[in-house]
């Protein structure tokens, strides 16, 4: 498999990248300037043609959890890097064969 990494410094920049490229997985912080990680997720969710797994990795996920958003994507509290690595493995994007359950 090939791993390609793109970075964005804002939610709007991430959405722009998603409009031009195809990805299997997006890992986003919640708090960003010019658009949030939730904006990025909502963009992905609004496009059924995008089959992207989404992980929110942020210092404060209390609002996301309180509003039930964490039911729609993986939400990991910083600085739990080991949990982030485990979540990436769980999505199946690093395996040679895609996991049909995701």
PDB file of N, CA and C in Angstrom:
ATOM      1  N   UNK A   1       0.830  -1.187   0.000  1.00  0.00           N
ATOM      2  CA  UNK A   1       0.000   0.000   0.000  1.00  0.00           C
ATOM      3  C   UNK A   1       0.866   1.239   0.000  1.00  0.00           C
ATOM      4  N   UNK A   2       0.282   2.343  -0.375  1.00  0.00           N
ATOM      5  CA  UNK A   2       0.979   3.621  -0.437  1.00  0.00           C
ATOM      6  C   UNK A   2       0.289   4.580   0.527  1.00  0.00           C
ATOM      7  N   UNK A   3       1.061   5.292   1.305  1.00  0.00           N
ATOM      8  CA  UNK A   3       0.514   6.287   2.217  1.00  0.00           C
ATOM      9  C   UNK A   3       0.884   7.666   1.690  1.00  0.00           C
ATOM     10  N   UNK A   4      -0.126   8.489   1.456  1.00  0.00           N
ATOM     11  CA  UNK A   4       0.080   9.864   1.028  1.00  0.00           C
ATOM     12  C   UNK A   4      -0.519  10.755   2.102  1.00  0.00           C
ATOM     13  N   UNK A   5       0.256  11.717   2.571  1.00  0.00           N
ATOM     14  CA  UNK A   5      -0.197  12.606   3.636  1.00  0.00           C
ATOM     15  C   UNK A   5      -0.303  14.020   3.094  1.00  0.00           C
ATOM     16  N   UNK A   6      -1.442  14.644   3.340  1.00  0.00           N
ATOM     17  CA  UNK A   6      -1.650  16.059   3.016  1.00  0.00           C
ATOM     18  C   UNK A   6      -1.941  16.764   4.339  1.00  0.00           C
ATOM     19  N   UNK A   7      -1.488  17.994   4.479  1.00  0.00           N
ATOM     20  CA  UNK A   7      -1.794  18.763   5.681  1.00  0.00           C
ATOM     21  C   UNK A   7      -2.524  20.031   5.298  1.00  0.00           C
ATOM     22  N   UNK A   8      -3.334  20.512   6.239  1.00  0.00           N
ATOM     23  CA  UNK A   8      -4.070  21.766   6.048  1.00  0.00           C
ATOM     24  C   UNK A   8      -3.991  22.548   7.352  1.00  0.00           C
ATOM     25  N   UNK A   9      -3.882  23.849   7.251  1.00  0.00           N
ATOM     26  CA  UNK A   9      -3.795  24.674   8.456  1.00  0.00           C
ATOM     27  C   UNK A   9      -5.146  25.257   8.860  1.00  0.00           C
ATOM     28  N   UNK A  10      -6.182  25.005   8.065  1.00  0.00           N
ATOM     29  CA  UNK A  10      -7.519  25.488   8.411  1.00  0.00           C
ATOM     30  C   UNK A  10      -8.563  24.507   7.893  1.00  0.00           C
ATOM     31  N   UNK A  11      -9.752  24.608   8.446  1.00  0.00           N
ATOM     32  CA  UNK A  11     -10.844  23.765   7.982  1.00  0.00           C
ATOM     33  C   UNK A  11     -11.181  24.018   6.528  1.00  0.00           C
ATOM     34  N   UNK A  12     -11.202  25.276   6.133  1.00  0.00           N
ATOM     35  CA  UNK A  12     -11.511  25.602   4.740  1.00  0.00           C
ATOM     36  C   UNK A  12     -10.449  25.069   3.787  1.00  0.00           C
ATOM     37  N   UNK A  13      -9.198  25.124   4.195  1.00  0.00           N
ATOM     38  CA  UNK A  13      -8.128  24.573   3.360  1.00  0.00           C
ATOM     39  C   UNK A  13      -8.295  23.057   3.228  1.00  0.00           C
ATOM     40  N   UNK A  14      -8.657  22.390   4.314  1.00  0.00           N
ATOM     41  CA  UNK A  14      -8.878  20.944   4.273  1.00  0.00           C
ATOM     42  C   UNK A  14     -10.024  20.600   3.329  1.00  0.00           C
ATOM     43  N   UNK A  15     -11.103  21.364   3.389  1.00  0.00           N
ATOM     44  CA  UNK A  15     -12.237  21.131   2.491  1.00  0.00           C
ATOM     45  C   UNK A  15     -11.807  21.326   1.035  1.00  0.00           C
ATOM     46  N   UNK A  16     -10.996  22.349   0.773  1.00  0.00           N
ATOM     47  CA  UNK A  16     -10.488  22.575  -0.577  1.00  0.00           C
ATOM     48  C   UNK A  16      -9.662  21.399  -1.074  1.00  0.00           C
ATOM     49  N   UNK A  17      -8.834  20.840  -0.202  1.00  0.00           N
ATOM     50  CA  UNK A  17      -8.023  19.677  -0.565  1.00  0.00           C
ATOM     51  C   UNK A  17      -8.927  18.478  -0.858  1.00  0.00           C
ATOM     52  N   UNK A  18      -9.971  18.303  -0.036  1.00  0.00           N
ATOM     53  CA  UNK A  18     -10.907  17.197  -0.240  1.00  0.00           C
ATOM     54  C   UNK A  18     -11.681  17.333  -1.550  1.00  0.00           C
ATOM     55  N   UNK A  19     -11.874  18.550  -2.016  1.00  0.00           N
ATOM     56  CA  UNK A  19     -12.586  18.758  -3.276  1.00  0.00           C
ATOM     57  C   UNK A  19     -11.724  18.400  -4.483  1.00  0.00           C
ATOM     58  N   UNK A  20     -10.410  18.345  -4.286  1.00  0.00           N
ATOM     59  CA  UNK A  20      -9.494  18.085  -5.403  1.00  0.00           C
ATOM     60  C   UNK A  20      -8.876  16.693  -5.379  1.00  0.00           C
ATOM     61  N   UNK A  21      -8.886  16.027  -4.224  1.00  0.00           N
ATOM     62  CA  UNK A  21      -8.186  14.752  -4.067  1.00  0.00           C
ATOM     63  C   UNK A  21      -9.079  13.718  -3.401  1.00  0.00           C
ATOM     64  N   UNK A  22      -8.703  12.465  -3.522  1.00  0.00           N
ATOM     65  CA  UNK A  22      -9.424  11.364  -2.899  1.00  0.00           C
ATOM     66  C   UNK A  22      -8.584  10.801  -1.759  1.00  0.00           C
ATOM     67  N   UNK A  23      -9.240  10.556  -0.624  1.00  0.00           N
ATOM     68  CA  UNK A  23      -8.559  10.020   0.552  1.00  0.00           C
ATOM     69  C   UNK A  23      -9.377   8.895   1.161  1.00  0.00           C
ATOM     70  N   UNK A  24      -8.706   8.002   1.875  1.00  0.00           N
ATOM     71  CA  UNK A  24      -9.376   6.940   2.619  1.00  0.00           C
ATOM     72  C   UNK A  24      -9.657   7.345   4.054  1.00  0.00           C
ATOM     73  N   UNK A  25      -8.829   8.265   4.584  1.00  0.00           N
ATOM     74  CA  UNK A  25      -8.914   8.637   5.996  1.00  0.00           C
ATOM     75  C   UNK A  25      -8.572  10.107   6.162  1.00  0.00           C
ATOM     76  N   UNK A  26      -9.343  10.791   7.001  1.00  0.00           N
ATOM     77  CA  UNK A  26      -9.034  12.169   7.398  1.00  0.00           C
ATOM     78  C   UNK A  26      -8.919  12.185   8.914  1.00  0.00           C
ATOM     79  N   UNK A  27      -7.825  12.756   9.403  1.00  0.00           N
ATOM     80  CA  UNK A  27      -7.635  12.996  10.833  1.00  0.00           C
ATOM     81  C   UNK A  27      -7.626  14.505  10.999  1.00  0.00           C
ATOM     82  N   UNK A  28      -8.527  15.013  11.831  1.00  0.00           N
ATOM     83  CA  UNK A  28      -8.665  16.460  11.956  1.00  0.00           C
ATOM     84  C   UNK A  28      -8.737  16.889  13.409  1.00  0.00           C
ATOM     85  N   UNK A  29      -8.171  18.042  13.683  1.00  0.00           N
ATOM     86  CA  UNK A  29      -8.369  18.696  14.969  1.00  0.00           C
ATOM     87  C   UNK A  29      -9.735  19.370  14.913  1.00  0.00           C
ATOM     88  N   UNK A  30     -10.361  19.539  16.045  1.00  0.00           N
ATOM     89  CA  UNK A  30     -11.634  20.240  16.090  1.00  0.00           C
ATOM     90  C   UNK A  30     -11.426  21.741  15.924  1.00  0.00           C
ATOM     91  N   UNK A  31     -10.480  22.291  16.653  1.00  0.00           N
ATOM     92  CA  UNK A  31     -10.258  23.739  16.669  1.00  0.00           C
ATOM     93  C   UNK A  31      -9.227  24.141  15.630  1.00  0.00           C
ATOM     94  N   UNK A  32      -9.705  24.811  14.596  1.00  0.00           N
ATOM     95  CA  UNK A  32      -8.830  25.354  13.563  1.00  0.00           C
ATOM     96  C   UNK A  32      -9.393  26.714  13.165  1.00  0.00           C
ATOM     97  N   UNK A  33      -8.552  27.529  12.604  1.00  0.00           N
ATOM     98  CA  UNK A  33      -9.018  28.818  12.105  1.00  0.00           C
ATOM     99  C   UNK A  33      -9.702  28.606  10.761  1.00  0.00           C
ATOM    100  N   UNK A  34     -10.615  29.500  10.423  1.00  0.00           N
ATOM    101  CA  UNK A  34     -11.284  29.453   9.114  1.00  0.00           C
ATOM    102  C   UNK A  34     -11.901  28.093   8.821  1.00  0.00           C
ATOM    103  N   UNK A  35     -12.770  27.661   9.696  1.00  0.00           N
ATOM    104  CA  UNK A  35     -13.436  26.379   9.557  1.00  0.00           C
ATOM    105  C   UNK A  35     -12.911  25.396  10.578  1.00  0.00           C
ATOM    106  N   UNK A  36     -13.797  24.616  11.149  1.00  0.00           N
ATOM    107  CA  UNK A  36     -13.416  23.668  12.198  1.00  0.00           C
ATOM    108  C   UNK A  36     -13.333  22.247  11.642  1.00  0.00           C
ATOM    109  N   UNK A  37     -12.852  21.354  12.477  1.00  0.00           N
ATOM    110  CA  UNK A  37     -12.863  19.944  12.113  1.00  0.00           C
ATOM    111  C   UNK A  37     -14.277  19.439  11.888  1.00  0.00           C
ATOM    112  N   UNK A  38     -15.236  19.995  12.610  1.00  0.00           N
ATOM    113  CA  UNK A  38     -16.630  19.604  12.397  1.00  0.00           C
ATOM    114  C   UNK A  38     -17.098  20.044  11.012  1.00  0.00           C
ATOM    115  N   UNK A  39     -16.660  21.208  10.553  1.00  0.00           N
ATOM    116  CA  UNK A  39     -16.982  21.653   9.186  1.00  0.00           C
ATOM    117  C   UNK A  39     -16.426  20.668   8.154  1.00  0.00           C
ATOM    118  N   UNK A  40     -15.217  20.189   8.407  1.00  0.00           N
ATOM    119  CA  UNK A  40     -14.601  19.217   7.502  1.00  0.00           C
ATOM    120  C   UNK A  40     -15.439  17.944   7.485  1.00  0.00           C
ATOM    121  N   UNK A  41     -15.825  17.454   8.669  1.00  0.00           N
ATOM    122  CA  UNK A  41     -16.645  16.252   8.741  1.00  0.00           C
ATOM    123  C   UNK A  41     -17.977  16.455   8.018  1.00  0.00           C
ATOM    124  N   UNK A  42     -18.628  17.595   8.245  1.00  0.00           N
ATOM    125  CA  UNK A  42     -19.925  17.849   7.605  1.00  0.00           C
ATOM    126  C   UNK A  42     -19.795  17.900   6.083  1.00  0.00           C
ATOM    127  N   UNK A  43     -18.664  18.410   5.593  1.00  0.00           N
ATOM    128  CA  UNK A  43     -18.421  18.402   4.151  1.00  0.00           C
ATOM    129  C   UNK A  43     -18.345  16.962   3.642  1.00  0.00           C
ATOM    130  N   UNK A  44     -17.591  16.128   4.342  1.00  0.00           N
ATOM    131  CA  UNK A  44     -17.463  14.721   3.946  1.00  0.00           C
ATOM    132  C   UNK A  44     -18.824  14.036   3.995  1.00  0.00           C
ATOM    133  N   UNK A  45     -19.561  14.270   5.059  1.00  0.00           N
ATOM    134  CA  UNK A  45     -20.872  13.639   5.233  1.00  0.00           C
ATOM    135  C   UNK A  45     -21.867  14.089   4.158  1.00  0.00           C
ATOM    136  N   UNK A  46     -21.724  15.320   3.682  1.00  0.00           N
ATOM    137  CA  UNK A  46     -22.658  15.837   2.665  1.00  0.00           C
ATOM    138  C   UNK A  46     -22.378  15.268   1.275  1.00  0.00           C
ATOM    139  N   UNK A  47     -21.276  14.571   1.133  1.00  0.00           N
ATOM    140  CA  UNK A  47     -20.884  14.006  -0.170  1.00  0.00           C
ATOM    141  C   UNK A  47     -20.889  12.481  -0.083  1.00  0.00           C
ATOM    142  N   UNK A  48     -22.015  11.849  -0.394  1.00  0.00           N
ATOM    143  CA  UNK A  48     -22.078  10.383  -0.300  1.00  0.00           C
ATOM    144  C   UNK A  48     -21.090   9.676  -1.225  1.00  0.00           C
ATOM    145  N   UNK A  49     -20.590  10.375  -2.233  1.00  0.00           N
ATOM    146  CA  UNK A  49     -19.598   9.774  -3.130  1.00  0.00           C
ATOM    147  C   UNK A  49     -18.236   9.630  -2.458  1.00  0.00           C
ATOM    148  N   UNK A  50     -18.024  10.336  -1.355  1.00  0.00           N
ATOM    149  CA  UNK A  50     -16.771  10.235  -0.622  1.00  0.00           C
ATOM    150  C   UNK A  50     -16.887   9.125   0.422  1.00  0.00           C
ATOM    151  N   UNK A  51     -16.080   8.130   0.289  1.00  0.00           N
ATOM    152  CA  UNK A  51     -16.060   7.024   1.248  1.00  0.00           C
ATOM    153  C   UNK A  51     -14.841   7.205   2.144  1.00  0.00           C
ATOM    154  N   UNK A  52     -14.911   8.201   3.022  1.00  0.00           N
ATOM    155  CA  UNK A  52     -13.763   8.571   3.850  1.00  0.00           C
ATOM    156  C   UNK A  52     -14.053   8.271   5.315  1.00  0.00           C
ATOM    157  N   UNK A  53     -13.124   7.594   5.959  1.00  0.00           N
ATOM    158  CA  UNK A  53     -13.210   7.392   7.405  1.00  0.00           C
ATOM    159  C   UNK A  53     -12.676   8.662   8.059  1.00  0.00           C
ATOM    160  N   UNK A  54     -13.253   9.021   9.213  1.00  0.00           N
ATOM    161  CA  UNK A  54     -12.930  10.308   9.832  1.00  0.00           C
ATOM    162  C   UNK A  54     -12.586  10.109  11.300  1.00  0.00           C
ATOM    163  N   UNK A  55     -11.465  10.697  11.717  1.00  0.00           N
ATOM    164  CA  UNK A  55     -11.055  10.683  13.127  1.00  0.00           C
ATOM    165  C   UNK A  55     -10.881  12.133  13.576  1.00  0.00           C
ATOM    166  N   UNK A  56     -11.561  12.490  14.662  1.00  0.00           N
ATOM    167  CA  UNK A  56     -11.385  13.801  15.280  1.00  0.00           C
ATOM    168  C   UNK A  56     -10.399  13.619  16.430  1.00  0.00           C
ATOM    169  N   UNK A  57      -9.303  14.347  16.381  1.00  0.00           N
ATOM    170  CA  UNK A  57      -8.241  14.246  17.384  1.00  0.00           C
ATOM    171  C   UNK A  57      -8.057  15.635  17.964  1.00  0.00           C
ATOM    172  N   UNK A  58      -8.558  15.853  19.185  1.00  0.00           N
ATOM    173  CA  UNK A  58      -8.594  17.214  19.712  1.00  0.00           C
ATOM    174  C   UNK A  58      -8.421  17.229  21.222  1.00  0.00           C
ATOM    175  N   UNK A  59      -7.988  18.369  21.735  1.00  0.00           N
ATOM    176  CA  UNK A  59      -7.780  18.526  23.171  1.00  0.00           C
ATOM    177  C   UNK A  59      -9.095  18.563  23.945  1.00  0.00           C
ATOM    178  N   UNK A  60     -10.139  19.085  23.348  1.00  0.00           N
ATOM    179  CA  UNK A  60     -11.422  19.200  24.041  1.00  0.00           C
ATOM    180  C   UNK A  60     -12.540  18.677  23.150  1.00  0.00           C
ATOM    181  N   UNK A  61     -13.036  17.509  23.503  1.00  0.00           N
ATOM    182  CA  UNK A  61     -14.111  16.889  22.737  1.00  0.00           C
ATOM    183  C   UNK A  61     -15.441  16.912  23.483  1.00  0.00           C
ATOM    184  N   UNK A  62     -15.511  17.637  24.600  1.00  0.00           N
ATOM    185  CA  UNK A  62     -16.720  17.605  25.420  1.00  0.00           C
ATOM    186  C   UNK A  62     -17.958  18.073  24.645  1.00  0.00           C
ATOM    187  N   UNK A  63     -17.832  19.116  23.850  1.00  0.00           N
ATOM    188  CA  UNK A  63     -18.965  19.614  23.079  1.00  0.00           C
ATOM    189  C   UNK A  63     -19.381  18.613  22.002  1.00  0.00           C
ATOM    190  N   UNK A  64     -18.403  17.998  21.370  1.00  0.00           N
ATOM    191  CA  UNK A  64     -18.671  16.984  20.340  1.00  0.00           C
ATOM    192  C   UNK A  64     -19.425  15.816  20.958  1.00  0.00           C
ATOM    193  N   UNK A  65     -18.973  15.369  22.115  1.00  0.00           N
ATOM    194  CA  UNK A  65     -19.634  14.231  22.774  1.00  0.00           C
ATOM    195  C   UNK A  65     -21.015  14.615  23.290  1.00  0.00           C
ATOM    196  N   UNK A  66     -21.149  15.808  23.854  1.00  0.00           N
ATOM    197  CA  UNK A  66     -22.436  16.254  24.397  1.00  0.00           C
ATOM    198  C   UNK A  66     -23.501  16.352  23.310  1.00  0.00           C
ATOM    199  N   UNK A  67     -23.101  16.732  22.118  1.00  0.00           N
ATOM    200  CA  UNK A  67     -24.065  16.877  21.016  1.00  0.00           C
ATOM    201  C   UNK A  67     -24.245  15.593  20.212  1.00  0.00           C
ATOM    202  N   UNK A  68     -23.587  14.513  20.622  1.00  0.00           N
ATOM    203  CA  UNK A  68     -23.761  13.227  19.969  1.00  0.00           C
ATOM    204  C   UNK A  68     -22.970  13.025  18.686  1.00  0.00           C
ATOM    205  N   UNK A  69     -22.088  13.948  18.366  1.00  0.00           N
ATOM    206  CA  UNK A  69     -21.323  13.822  17.123  1.00  0.00           C
ATOM    207  C   UNK A  69     -20.365  12.641  17.167  1.00  0.00           C
ATOM    208  N   UNK A  70     -19.907  12.268  18.352  1.00  0.00           N
ATOM    209  CA  UNK A  70     -18.934  11.182  18.441  1.00  0.00           C
ATOM    210  C   UNK A  70     -19.541   9.834  18.062  1.00  0.00           C
ATOM    211  N   UNK A  71     -20.865   9.792  17.843  1.00  0.00           N
ATOM    212  CA  UNK A  71     -21.517   8.580  17.342  1.00  0.00           C
ATOM    213  C   UNK A  71     -21.257   8.418  15.848  1.00  0.00           C
ATOM    214  N   UNK A  72     -20.865   9.504  15.179  1.00  0.00           N
ATOM    215  CA  UNK A  72     -20.714   9.497  13.722  1.00  0.00           C
ATOM    216  C   UNK A  72     -19.274   9.314  13.264  1.00  0.00           C
ATOM    217  N   UNK A  73     -18.316   9.512  14.153  1.00  0.00           N
ATOM    218  CA  UNK A  73     -16.910   9.357  13.801  1.00  0.00           C
ATOM    219  C   UNK A  73     -16.122   9.003  15.044  1.00  0.00           C
ATOM    220  N   UNK A  74     -14.891   8.607  14.844  1.00  0.00           N
ATOM    221  CA  UNK A  74     -14.009   8.291  15.971  1.00  0.00           C
ATOM    222  C   UNK A  74     -13.515   9.606  16.566  1.00  0.00           C
ATOM    223  N   UNK A  75     -13.655   9.771  17.868  1.00  0.00           N
ATOM    224  CA  UNK A  75     -13.206  10.985  18.554  1.00  0.00           C
ATOM    225  C   UNK A  75     -12.185  10.588  19.622  1.00  0.00           C
ATOM    226  N   UNK A  76     -10.996  11.158  19.516  1.00  0.00           N
ATOM    227  CA  UNK A  76      -9.914  10.822  20.441  1.00  0.00           C
ATOM    228  C   UNK A  76      -9.381  12.095  21.076  1.00  0.00           C
ATOM    229  N   UNK A  77      -9.268  12.057  22.384  1.00  0.00           N
ATOM    230  CA  UNK A  77      -8.782  13.197  23.164  1.00  0.00           C
ATOM    231  C   UNK A  77      -7.261  13.271  23.102  1.00  0.00           C
ATOM    232  N   UNK A  78      -6.721  14.434  22.751  1.00  0.00           N
ATOM    233  CA  UNK A  78      -5.263  14.637  22.824  1.00  0.00           C
ATOM    234  C   UNK A  78      -4.844  14.575  24.282  1.00  0.00           C
ATOM    235  N   UNK A  79      -3.713  14.133  24.627  1.00  0.00           N
ATOM    236  CA  UNK A  79      -2.589  13.711  23.790  1.00  0.00           C
ATOM    237  C   UNK A  79      -2.509  12.198  23.624  1.00  0.00           C
ATOM    238  N   UNK A  80      -3.616  11.485  23.626  1.00  0.00           N
ATOM    239  CA  UNK A  80      -3.621  10.020  23.577  1.00  0.00           C
ATOM    240  C   UNK A  80      -3.175   9.499  22.219  1.00  0.00           C
ATOM    241  N   UNK A  81      -1.878   9.613  21.943  1.00  0.00           N
ATOM    242  CA  UNK A  81      -1.348   9.234  20.641  1.00  0.00           C
ATOM    243  C   UNK A  81      -1.510   7.741  20.377  1.00  0.00           C
ATOM    244  N   UNK A  82      -1.332   6.918  21.395  1.00  0.00           N
ATOM    245  CA  UNK A  82      -1.489   5.463  21.215  1.00  0.00           C
ATOM    246  C   UNK A  82      -2.910   5.139  20.751  1.00  0.00           C
ATOM    247  N   UNK A  83      -3.903   5.803  21.324  1.00  0.00           N
ATOM    248  CA  UNK A  83      -5.288   5.596  20.894  1.00  0.00           C
ATOM    249  C   UNK A  83      -5.486   6.018  19.443  1.00  0.00           C
ATOM    250  N   UNK A  84      -4.817   7.092  19.048  1.00  0.00           N
ATOM    251  CA  UNK A  84      -4.908   7.542  17.657  1.00  0.00           C
ATOM    252  C   UNK A  84      -4.340   6.488  16.714  1.00  0.00           C
ATOM    253  N   UNK A  85      -3.182   5.955  17.044  1.00  0.00           N
ATOM    254  CA  UNK A  85      -2.568   4.909  16.219  1.00  0.00           C
ATOM    255  C   UNK A  85      -3.485   3.692  16.147  1.00  0.00           C
ATOM    256  N   UNK A  86      -4.046   3.286  17.275  1.00  0.00           N
ATOM    257  CA  UNK A  86      -4.965   2.149  17.301  1.00  0.00           C
ATOM    258  C   UNK A  86      -6.206   2.422  16.444  1.00  0.00           C
ATOM    259  N   UNK A  87      -6.717   3.641  16.489  1.00  0.00           N
ATOM    260  CA  UNK A  87      -7.900   4.002  15.698  1.00  0.00           C
ATOM    261  C   UNK A  87      -7.593   3.946  14.200  1.00  0.00           C
ATOM    262  N   UNK A  88      -6.423   4.412  13.819  1.00  0.00           N
ATOM    263  CA  UNK A  88      -6.028   4.342  12.404  1.00  0.00           C
ATOM    264  C   UNK A  88      -5.960   2.879  11.978  1.00  0.00           C
ATOM    265  N   UNK A  89      -5.371   2.048  12.800  1.00  0.00           N
ATOM    266  CA  UNK A  89      -5.323   0.612  12.474  1.00  0.00           C
ATOM    267  C   UNK A  89      -6.727   0.035  12.368  1.00  0.00           C
ATOM    268  N   UNK A  90      -7.613   0.424  13.269  1.00  0.00           N
ATOM    269  CA  UNK A  90      -8.977  -0.095  13.299  1.00  0.00           C
ATOM    270  C   UNK A  90      -9.747   0.245  12.023  1.00  0.00           C
ATOM    271  N   UNK A  91      -9.475   1.401  11.420  1.00  0.00           N
ATOM    272  CA  UNK A  91     -10.193   1.784  10.201  1.00  0.00           C
ATOM    273  C   UNK A  91      -9.904   0.852   9.049  1.00  0.00           C
ATOM    274  N   UNK A  92      -8.775   0.161   9.093  1.00  0.00           N
ATOM    275  CA  UNK A  92      -8.423  -0.761   8.030  1.00  0.00           C
ATOM    276  C   UNK A  92      -7.718  -0.121   6.850  1.00  0.00           C
ATOM    277  N   UNK A  93      -7.460   1.176   6.887  1.00  0.00           N
ATOM    278  CA  UNK A  93      -6.855   1.840   5.731  1.00  0.00           C
ATOM    279  C   UNK A  93      -5.402   1.449   5.512  1.00  0.00           C
ATOM    280  N   UNK A  94      -4.754   0.874   6.506  1.00  0.00           N
ATOM    281  CA  UNK A  94      -3.353   0.497   6.356  1.00  0.00           C
ATOM    282  C   UNK A  94      -3.167  -0.948   5.951  1.00  0.00           C
ATOM    283  N   UNK A  95      -4.261  -1.697   5.796  1.00  0.00           N
ATOM    284  CA  UNK A  95      -4.147  -3.087   5.395  1.00  0.00           C
ATOM    285  C   UNK A  95      -4.125  -3.207   3.883  1.00  0.00           C
ATOM    286  N   UNK A  96      -3.649  -4.330   3.408  1.00  0.00           N
ATOM    287  CA  UNK A  96      -3.606  -4.564   1.960  1.00  0.00           C
ATOM    288  C   UNK A  96      -5.004  -4.738   1.377  1.00  0.00           C
ATOM    289  N   UNK A  97      -5.919  -5.274   2.183  1.00  0.00           N
ATOM    290  CA  UNK A  97      -7.280  -5.462   1.719  1.00  0.00           C
ATOM    291  C   UNK A  97      -8.201  -4.570   2.535  1.00  0.00           C
ATOM    292  N   UNK A  98      -9.102  -3.827   1.874  1.00  0.00           N
ATOM    293  CA  UNK A  98     -10.007  -2.953   2.622  1.00  0.00           C
ATOM    294  C   UNK A  98     -10.949  -3.760   3.509  1.00  0.00           C
ATOM    295  N   UNK A  99     -11.235  -3.190   4.657  1.00  0.00           N
ATOM    296  CA  UNK A  99     -12.160  -3.802   5.598  1.00  0.00           C
ATOM    297  C   UNK A  99     -13.570  -3.448   5.181  1.00  0.00           C
ATOM    298  N   UNK A 100     -14.354  -4.409   4.770  1.00  0.00           N
ATOM    299  CA  UNK A 100     -15.702  -4.167   4.250  1.00  0.00           C
ATOM    300  C   UNK A 100     -16.672  -3.692   5.326  1.00  0.00           C
ATOM    301  N   UNK A 101     -16.304  -3.808   6.598  1.00  0.00           N
ATOM    302  CA  UNK A 101     -17.229  -3.417   7.665  1.00  0.00           C
ATOM    303  C   UNK A 101     -17.235  -1.932   7.936  1.00  0.00           C
ATOM    304  N   UNK A 102     -16.339  -1.147   7.286  1.00  0.00           N
ATOM    305  CA  UNK A 102     -16.268   0.296   7.555  1.00  0.00           C
ATOM    306  C   UNK A 102     -16.721   1.080   6.371  1.00  0.00           C
TER     307      UNK A 102
END
